[in-house]
């Protein structure tokens, strides 16, 4: 499965570097922000565009300012992404938005500003498991879904080949997989150590048909079949600058 290299994992809307610009501008209309600036976007729209480019995703909960600007300027931002052969995917149900590479109608590929990295086997197993837990808990009425790191490590142990007796290395790999999903903002830190909240982005990234494909591949791997160690991504959205 592929996933983006992240430029930042910080959940904040914007850092303090924008404050001086905010004070300089009296309104949100397009204004020259530097010598030779011919941009047509207002300041707040530009910085939301940057956030969408840099972050794995934005959400209404974690990035309320960006989400508001996106909702008010959705068509304009979609147009800017389309100009660089990207699509902006917005889920109103889960209030998350992310970008993905566009594909030509006639086949082939567009030039891309994004690149892929690969989820390893452990991370892929956790992604499928987290989506199942998230969907089950939400169906039971839980608005927020938590998981413990130890439970995730144990879930990975269930897929350990019988021939693999190096349990110490396996556990280290499992914990690295958990940390990788934390870095990707798929698992969100809570007030308790080693307890995480599952981001709603998991539901958007893994559609039902893709989950089934990954699950069948993992079952084959667990039973000694021909499954591979790495898995291609859920769709072309798992890319970043």
C-alpha atoms as a PDB file:
ATOM      1  CA  UNK A   1       0.000   0.000   0.000  1.00  0.00           C
ATOM      2  CA  UNK A   2       1.333   3.440  -0.824  1.00  0.00           C
ATOM      3  CA  UNK A   3       1.244   6.498   1.344  1.00  0.00           C
ATOM      4  CA  UNK A   4       2.673   9.989   1.050  1.00  0.00           C
ATOM      5  CA  UNK A   5       5.847  11.340   2.499  1.00  0.00           C
ATOM      6  CA  UNK A   6       4.614  14.051   4.832  1.00  0.00           C
ATOM      7  CA  UNK A   7       6.159  17.494   4.982  1.00  0.00           C
ATOM      8  CA  UNK A   8       4.553  18.031   8.372  1.00  0.00           C
ATOM      9  CA  UNK A   9       2.442  16.086  10.836  1.00  0.00           C
ATOM     10  CA  UNK A  10       1.377  19.065  12.950  1.00  0.00           C
ATOM     11  CA  UNK A  11      -2.387  19.289  13.269  1.00  0.00           C
ATOM     12  CA  UNK A  12      -2.453  23.065  13.731  1.00  0.00           C
ATOM     13  CA  UNK A  13      -4.164  25.236  11.126  1.00  0.00           C
ATOM     14  CA  UNK A  14      -1.341  27.716  10.653  1.00  0.00           C
ATOM     15  CA  UNK A  15       1.739  28.765  12.552  1.00  0.00           C
ATOM     16  CA  UNK A  16       2.546  32.277  13.720  1.00  0.00           C
ATOM     17  CA  UNK A  17       4.337  33.161  10.486  1.00  0.00           C
ATOM     18  CA  UNK A  18       1.021  34.352   9.016  1.00  0.00           C
ATOM     19  CA  UNK A  19       0.251  36.808  11.804  1.00  0.00           C
ATOM     20  CA  UNK A  20       2.226  39.732  10.384  1.00  0.00           C
ATOM     21  CA  UNK A  21       0.558  39.317   6.991  1.00  0.00           C
ATOM     22  CA  UNK A  22      -2.863  39.282   8.630  1.00  0.00           C
ATOM     23  CA  UNK A  23      -2.111  42.573  10.310  1.00  0.00           C
ATOM     24  CA  UNK A  24      -0.835  44.110   7.060  1.00  0.00           C
ATOM     25  CA  UNK A  25      -3.989  43.384   5.070  1.00  0.00           C
ATOM     26  CA  UNK A  26      -7.270  45.148   5.747  1.00  0.00           C
ATOM     27  CA  UNK A  27      -9.468  42.701   3.808  1.00  0.00           C
ATOM     28  CA  UNK A  28      -9.362  39.276   2.209  1.00  0.00           C
ATOM     29  CA  UNK A  29      -9.407  40.426  -1.410  1.00  0.00           C
ATOM     30  CA  UNK A  30      -6.534  39.623  -3.788  1.00  0.00           C
ATOM     31  CA  UNK A  31      -3.580  41.879  -3.006  1.00  0.00           C
ATOM     32  CA  UNK A  32       0.056  41.826  -3.997  1.00  0.00           C
ATOM     33  CA  UNK A  33       1.920  40.158  -1.147  1.00  0.00           C
ATOM     34  CA  UNK A  34       5.400  40.447  -2.652  1.00  0.00           C
ATOM     35  CA  UNK A  35       7.126  42.172  -5.551  1.00  0.00           C
ATOM     36  CA  UNK A  36       5.836  40.839  -8.858  1.00  0.00           C
ATOM     37  CA  UNK A  37       2.907  39.004  -7.220  1.00  0.00           C
ATOM     38  CA  UNK A  38       0.185  38.417  -9.821  1.00  0.00           C
ATOM     39  CA  UNK A  39      -1.734  35.790  -7.846  1.00  0.00           C
ATOM     40  CA  UNK A  40      -5.514  36.025  -7.883  1.00  0.00           C
ATOM     41  CA  UNK A  41      -6.284  34.302  -4.579  1.00  0.00           C
ATOM     42  CA  UNK A  42      -6.937  36.099  -1.317  1.00  0.00           C
ATOM     43  CA  UNK A  43      -4.414  35.520   1.457  1.00  0.00           C
ATOM     44  CA  UNK A  44      -6.512  33.056   3.459  1.00  0.00           C
ATOM     45  CA  UNK A  45      -7.345  31.046   0.335  1.00  0.00           C
ATOM     46  CA  UNK A  46      -3.664  30.883  -0.613  1.00  0.00           C
ATOM     47  CA  UNK A  47      -2.649  29.555   2.767  1.00  0.00           C
ATOM     48  CA  UNK A  48      -5.418  26.956   2.788  1.00  0.00           C
ATOM     49  CA  UNK A  49      -4.192  25.891  -0.654  1.00  0.00           C
ATOM     50  CA  UNK A  50      -0.710  25.508   0.839  1.00  0.00           C
ATOM     51  CA  UNK A  51      -2.100  23.505   3.769  1.00  0.00           C
ATOM     52  CA  UNK A  52      -3.884  21.135   1.409  1.00  0.00           C
ATOM     53  CA  UNK A  53      -0.696  20.673  -0.586  1.00  0.00           C
ATOM     54  CA  UNK A  54       1.505  20.059   2.447  1.00  0.00           C
ATOM     55  CA  UNK A  55      -0.717  17.998   4.721  1.00  0.00           C
ATOM     56  CA  UNK A  56      -1.868  14.426   4.209  1.00  0.00           C
ATOM     57  CA  UNK A  57      -5.391  15.742   4.711  1.00  0.00           C
ATOM     58  CA  UNK A  58      -7.300  18.466   6.514  1.00  0.00           C
ATOM     59  CA  UNK A  59     -10.386  17.994   8.657  1.00  0.00           C
ATOM     60  CA  UNK A  60     -13.053  20.256  10.085  1.00  0.00           C
ATOM     61  CA  UNK A  61     -12.160  19.135  13.596  1.00  0.00           C
ATOM     62  CA  UNK A  62      -8.387  19.533  13.473  1.00  0.00           C
ATOM     63  CA  UNK A  63      -8.111  22.371  10.943  1.00  0.00           C
ATOM     64  CA  UNK A  64     -11.276  24.465  11.408  1.00  0.00           C
ATOM     65  CA  UNK A  65      -9.919  27.600   9.752  1.00  0.00           C
ATOM     66  CA  UNK A  66      -8.741  25.732   6.662  1.00  0.00           C
ATOM     67  CA  UNK A  67     -12.011  23.799   6.521  1.00  0.00           C
ATOM     68  CA  UNK A  68     -14.067  26.999   6.632  1.00  0.00           C
ATOM     69  CA  UNK A  69     -12.028  28.557   3.830  1.00  0.00           C
ATOM     70  CA  UNK A  70     -12.290  25.359   1.789  1.00  0.00           C
ATOM     71  CA  UNK A  71     -16.068  25.252   2.143  1.00  0.00           C
ATOM     72  CA  UNK A  72     -16.352  28.903   1.123  1.00  0.00           C
ATOM     73  CA  UNK A  73     -13.978  28.580  -1.837  1.00  0.00           C
ATOM     74  CA  UNK A  74     -14.292  24.947  -2.862  1.00  0.00           C
ATOM     75  CA  UNK A  75     -14.732  25.480  -6.609  1.00  0.00           C
ATOM     76  CA  UNK A  76     -11.849  27.930  -6.735  1.00  0.00           C
ATOM     77  CA  UNK A  77      -9.502  25.571  -4.891  1.00  0.00           C
ATOM     78  CA  UNK A  78     -10.610  22.606  -6.986  1.00  0.00           C
ATOM     79  CA  UNK A  79      -9.707  24.635 -10.073  1.00  0.00           C
ATOM     80  CA  UNK A  80      -6.231  25.380  -8.718  1.00  0.00           C
ATOM     81  CA  UNK A  81      -5.630  21.687  -8.032  1.00  0.00           C
ATOM     82  CA  UNK A  82      -6.912  20.735 -11.482  1.00  0.00           C
ATOM     83  CA  UNK A  83      -4.389  23.155 -13.014  1.00  0.00           C
ATOM     84  CA  UNK A  84      -1.604  20.910 -11.680  1.00  0.00           C
ATOM     85  CA  UNK A  85      -3.346  17.631 -12.613  1.00  0.00           C
ATOM     86  CA  UNK A  86      -4.668  16.929  -9.115  1.00  0.00           C
ATOM     87  CA  UNK A  87      -8.157  16.306  -7.787  1.00  0.00           C
ATOM     88  CA  UNK A  88      -9.410  17.637  -4.477  1.00  0.00           C
ATOM     89  CA  UNK A  89     -11.493  14.998  -2.700  1.00  0.00           C
ATOM     90  CA  UNK A  90     -13.910  16.323  -0.071  1.00  0.00           C
ATOM     91  CA  UNK A  91     -15.997  14.069   2.166  1.00  0.00           C
ATOM     92  CA  UNK A  92     -18.888  15.945   3.721  1.00  0.00           C
ATOM     93  CA  UNK A  93     -19.879  12.893   5.774  1.00  0.00           C
ATOM     94  CA  UNK A  94     -16.523  12.686   7.547  1.00  0.00           C
ATOM     95  CA  UNK A  95     -15.534  16.338   7.046  1.00  0.00           C
ATOM     96  CA  UNK A  96     -12.112  15.565   5.630  1.00  0.00           C
ATOM     97  CA  UNK A  97     -10.415  16.636   2.412  1.00  0.00           C
ATOM     98  CA  UNK A  98      -7.326  15.416   0.607  1.00  0.00           C
ATOM     99  CA  UNK A  99      -5.718  15.537  -2.819  1.00  0.00           C
ATOM    100  CA  UNK A 100      -5.035  12.786  -5.327  1.00  0.00           C
ATOM    101  CA  UNK A 101      -3.443  12.454  -8.726  1.00  0.00           C
ATOM    102  CA  UNK A 102      -5.836  12.867 -11.658  1.00  0.00           C
ATOM    103  CA  UNK A 103      -5.927  10.300 -14.482  1.00  0.00           C
ATOM    104  CA  UNK A 104      -6.502  11.199 -18.152  1.00  0.00           C
ATOM    105  CA  UNK A 105      -9.824  10.020 -19.576  1.00  0.00           C
ATOM    106  CA  UNK A 106      -8.073   8.392 -22.516  1.00  0.00           C
ATOM    107  CA  UNK A 107      -5.489   6.524 -20.465  1.00  0.00           C
ATOM    108  CA  UNK A 108      -1.853   7.316 -19.792  1.00  0.00           C
ATOM    109  CA  UNK A 109      -0.534   9.533 -17.023  1.00  0.00           C
ATOM    110  CA  UNK A 110      -0.248  13.242 -16.327  1.00  0.00           C
ATOM    111  CA  UNK A 111       2.931  14.897 -15.066  1.00  0.00           C
ATOM    112  CA  UNK A 112       2.821  14.878 -11.273  1.00  0.00           C
ATOM    113  CA  UNK A 113       4.146  16.961  -8.419  1.00  0.00           C
ATOM    114  CA  UNK A 114       3.459  14.062  -6.032  1.00  0.00           C
ATOM    115  CA  UNK A 115       5.414  10.943  -5.223  1.00  0.00           C
ATOM    116  CA  UNK A 116       4.644   7.641  -3.566  1.00  0.00           C
ATOM    117  CA  UNK A 117       6.145   5.799  -0.675  1.00  0.00           C
ATOM    118  CA  UNK A 118       5.054   2.314   0.324  1.00  0.00           C
ATOM    119  CA  UNK A 119       3.253   0.940   3.353  1.00  0.00           C
ATOM    120  CA  UNK A 120       4.986  -2.208   4.493  1.00  0.00           C
ATOM    121  CA  UNK A 121       3.150  -5.389   5.445  1.00  0.00           C
ATOM    122  CA  UNK A 122       2.654  -4.423   9.097  1.00  0.00           C
ATOM    123  CA  UNK A 123       1.280  -0.995   8.253  1.00  0.00           C
ATOM    124  CA  UNK A 124      -1.098  -2.479   5.686  1.00  0.00           C
ATOM    125  CA  UNK A 125      -2.455  -4.983   8.208  1.00  0.00           C
ATOM    126  CA  UNK A 126      -3.062  -2.183  10.688  1.00  0.00           C
ATOM    127  CA  UNK A 127      -4.800  -0.016   8.088  1.00  0.00           C
ATOM    128  CA  UNK A 128      -7.274  -2.779   7.275  1.00  0.00           C
ATOM    129  CA  UNK A 129      -7.785  -3.548  10.966  1.00  0.00           C
ATOM    130  CA  UNK A 130      -8.281   0.106  11.917  1.00  0.00           C
ATOM    131  CA  UNK A 131     -10.893   0.601   9.252  1.00  0.00           C
ATOM    132  CA  UNK A 132     -12.815  -2.451  10.467  1.00  0.00           C
ATOM    133  CA  UNK A 133     -12.683  -1.238  14.081  1.00  0.00           C
ATOM    134  CA  UNK A 134     -13.661   2.292  13.082  1.00  0.00           C
ATOM    135  CA  UNK A 135     -16.650   1.159  11.044  1.00  0.00           C
ATOM    136  CA  UNK A 136     -17.827  -1.294  13.724  1.00  0.00           C
ATOM    137  CA  UNK A 137     -17.631   1.231  16.555  1.00  0.00           C
ATOM    138  CA  UNK A 138     -19.298   3.964  14.535  1.00  0.00           C
ATOM    139  CA  UNK A 139     -22.119   1.580  13.638  1.00  0.00           C
ATOM    140  CA  UNK A 140     -22.540   0.930  17.379  1.00  0.00           C
ATOM    141  CA  UNK A 141     -22.996   4.639  18.025  1.00  0.00           C
ATOM    142  CA  UNK A 142     -19.483   5.732  19.006  1.00  0.00           C
ATOM    143  CA  UNK A 143     -18.639   9.123  17.534  1.00  0.00           C
ATOM    144  CA  UNK A 144     -14.981   8.811  18.510  1.00  0.00           C
ATOM    145  CA  UNK A 145     -13.075   5.531  18.234  1.00  0.00           C
ATOM    146  CA  UNK A 146      -9.975   4.728  20.284  1.00  0.00           C
ATOM    147  CA  UNK A 147      -7.450   1.901  20.087  1.00  0.00           C
ATOM    148  CA  UNK A 148      -4.566   0.876  22.327  1.00  0.00           C
ATOM    149  CA  UNK A 149      -1.077   0.360  20.981  1.00  0.00           C
ATOM    150  CA  UNK A 150      -0.807  -3.028  22.687  1.00  0.00           C
ATOM    151  CA  UNK A 151      -3.955  -4.242  20.941  1.00  0.00           C
ATOM    152  CA  UNK A 152      -2.479  -3.221  17.602  1.00  0.00           C
ATOM    153  CA  UNK A 153       0.766  -5.029  18.355  1.00  0.00           C
ATOM    154  CA  UNK A 154      -1.242  -8.140  19.215  1.00  0.00           C
ATOM    155  CA  UNK A 155      -3.249  -7.839  16.009  1.00  0.00           C
ATOM    156  CA  UNK A 156      -0.019  -7.957  14.039  1.00  0.00           C
ATOM    157  CA  UNK A 157       1.117 -10.999  16.025  1.00  0.00           C
ATOM    158  CA  UNK A 158      -1.939 -12.836  14.696  1.00  0.00           C
ATOM    159  CA  UNK A 159      -0.428 -12.584  11.221  1.00  0.00           C
ATOM    160  CA  UNK A 160       3.022 -13.797  12.251  1.00  0.00           C
ATOM    161  CA  UNK A 161       4.110 -16.815  10.181  1.00  0.00           C
ATOM    162  CA  UNK A 162       4.541 -19.942  12.278  1.00  0.00           C
ATOM    163  CA  UNK A 163       8.094 -20.259  10.992  1.00  0.00           C
ATOM    164  CA  UNK A 164       9.051 -16.862  12.396  1.00  0.00           C
ATOM    165  CA  UNK A 165      10.426 -17.318  15.902  1.00  0.00           C
ATOM    166  CA  UNK A 166      12.128 -13.934  16.332  1.00  0.00           C
ATOM    167  CA  UNK A 167       9.333 -12.370  18.346  1.00  0.00           C
ATOM    168  CA  UNK A 168      11.499  -9.513  19.609  1.00  0.00           C
ATOM    169  CA  UNK A 169      12.132  -8.192  16.109  1.00  0.00           C
ATOM    170  CA  UNK A 170       8.486  -8.748  15.210  1.00  0.00           C
ATOM    171  CA  UNK A 171       7.348  -6.620  18.129  1.00  0.00           C
ATOM    172  CA  UNK A 172       9.780  -3.857  17.199  1.00  0.00           C
ATOM    173  CA  UNK A 173       8.437  -3.884  13.643  1.00  0.00           C
ATOM    174  CA  UNK A 174       4.885  -3.733  14.986  1.00  0.00           C
ATOM    175  CA  UNK A 175       5.622  -0.705  17.140  1.00  0.00           C
ATOM    176  CA  UNK A 176       7.348   1.029  14.235  1.00  0.00           C
ATOM    177  CA  UNK A 177       4.213   0.428  12.163  1.00  0.00           C
ATOM    178  CA  UNK A 178       2.059   2.050  14.843  1.00  0.00           C
ATOM    179  CA  UNK A 179       4.382   5.055  14.965  1.00  0.00           C
ATOM    180  CA  UNK A 180       4.277   5.364  11.179  1.00  0.00           C
ATOM    181  CA  UNK A 181       0.491   5.647  11.262  1.00  0.00           C
ATOM    182  CA  UNK A 182       0.749   8.243  14.024  1.00  0.00           C
ATOM    183  CA  UNK A 183       3.139  10.248  11.857  1.00  0.00           C
ATOM    184  CA  UNK A 184       0.666   9.983   8.971  1.00  0.00           C
ATOM    185  CA  UNK A 185      -2.147  11.346  11.187  1.00  0.00           C
ATOM    186  CA  UNK A 186      -4.164   8.182  10.690  1.00  0.00           C
ATOM    187  CA  UNK A 187      -3.756   7.492  14.396  1.00  0.00           C
ATOM    188  CA  UNK A 188      -4.169  10.623  16.516  1.00  0.00           C
ATOM    189  CA  UNK A 189      -2.583  10.944  19.937  1.00  0.00           C
ATOM    190  CA  UNK A 190      -4.863  11.159  22.955  1.00  0.00           C
ATOM    191  CA  UNK A 191      -4.310  12.346  26.517  1.00  0.00           C
ATOM    192  CA  UNK A 192      -3.273   8.797  27.460  1.00  0.00           C
ATOM    193  CA  UNK A 193       0.060   7.294  26.487  1.00  0.00           C
ATOM    194  CA  UNK A 194      -0.163   4.520  23.890  1.00  0.00           C
ATOM    195  CA  UNK A 195      -3.861   5.177  23.301  1.00  0.00           C
ATOM    196  CA  UNK A 196      -4.899   6.636  19.976  1.00  0.00           C
ATOM    197  CA  UNK A 197      -7.984   7.932  18.238  1.00  0.00           C
ATOM    198  CA  UNK A 198      -8.653   6.627  14.740  1.00  0.00           C
ATOM    199  CA  UNK A 199      -8.975   9.469  12.257  1.00  0.00           C
ATOM    200  CA  UNK A 200     -12.077   9.401  10.018  1.00  0.00           C
ATOM    201  CA  UNK A 201      -9.694   9.650   7.058  1.00  0.00           C
ATOM    202  CA  UNK A 202      -9.310   5.860   7.308  1.00  0.00           C
ATOM    203  CA  UNK A 203     -12.847   5.411   5.981  1.00  0.00           C
ATOM    204  CA  UNK A 204     -12.213   7.701   3.026  1.00  0.00           C
ATOM    205  CA  UNK A 205      -8.823   6.255   2.079  1.00  0.00           C
ATOM    206  CA  UNK A 206      -9.953   2.626   2.019  1.00  0.00           C
ATOM    207  CA  UNK A 207     -13.136   2.023   0.012  1.00  0.00           C
ATOM    208  CA  UNK A 208     -14.925  -1.288   0.552  1.00  0.00           C
ATOM    209  CA  UNK A 209     -13.616  -2.998  -2.583  1.00  0.00           C
ATOM    210  CA  UNK A 210     -10.023  -2.084  -1.752  1.00  0.00           C
ATOM    211  CA  UNK A 211     -10.372  -3.363   1.808  1.00  0.00           C
ATOM    212  CA  UNK A 212     -11.580  -6.708   0.480  1.00  0.00           C
ATOM    213  CA  UNK A 213      -8.618  -6.982  -1.891  1.00  0.00           C
ATOM    214  CA  UNK A 214      -6.142  -6.192   0.873  1.00  0.00           C
ATOM    215  CA  UNK A 215      -7.848  -8.540   3.318  1.00  0.00           C
ATOM    216  CA  UNK A 216      -7.717 -11.448   0.878  1.00  0.00           C
ATOM    217  CA  UNK A 217      -4.050 -10.752   0.197  1.00  0.00           C
ATOM    218  CA  UNK A 218      -3.278 -10.685   3.913  1.00  0.00           C
ATOM    219  CA  UNK A 219      -5.156 -13.937   4.502  1.00  0.00           C
ATOM    220  CA  UNK A 220      -3.090 -15.590   1.775  1.00  0.00           C
ATOM    221  CA  UNK A 221       0.064 -14.280   3.412  1.00  0.00           C
ATOM    222  CA  UNK A 222      -0.967 -15.574   6.832  1.00  0.00           C
ATOM    223  CA  UNK A 223      -1.755 -18.998   5.405  1.00  0.00           C
ATOM    224  CA  UNK A 224       1.522 -19.218   3.520  1.00  0.00           C
ATOM    225  CA  UNK A 225       0.121 -18.180   0.146  1.00  0.00           C
ATOM    226  CA  UNK A 226       1.560 -15.848  -2.446  1.00  0.00           C
ATOM    227  CA  UNK A 227       0.829 -12.534  -0.729  1.00  0.00           C
ATOM    228  CA  UNK A 228       3.596  -9.962  -0.934  1.00  0.00           C
ATOM    229  CA  UNK A 229       5.239  -7.941   1.780  1.00  0.00           C
ATOM    230  CA  UNK A 230       4.190  -4.550   0.424  1.00  0.00           C
ATOM    231  CA  UNK A 231       0.834  -3.541  -0.987  1.00  0.00           C
ATOM    232  CA  UNK A 232      -0.201  -0.888  -3.457  1.00  0.00           C
ATOM    233  CA  UNK A 233      -2.265   1.978  -2.126  1.00  0.00           C
ATOM    234  CA  UNK A 234      -6.025   2.317  -1.809  1.00  0.00           C
ATOM    235  CA  UNK A 235      -6.127   4.783  -4.684  1.00  0.00           C
ATOM    236  CA  UNK A 236      -4.053   7.480  -6.288  1.00  0.00           C
ATOM    237  CA  UNK A 237      -4.670   9.786  -3.377  1.00  0.00           C
ATOM    238  CA  UNK A 238      -1.820   8.378  -1.334  1.00  0.00           C
ATOM    239  CA  UNK A 239       0.768  10.758  -2.660  1.00  0.00           C
ATOM    240  CA  UNK A 240       2.349  13.939  -1.445  1.00  0.00           C
ATOM    241  CA  UNK A 241       4.678  16.655  -2.730  1.00  0.00           C
END
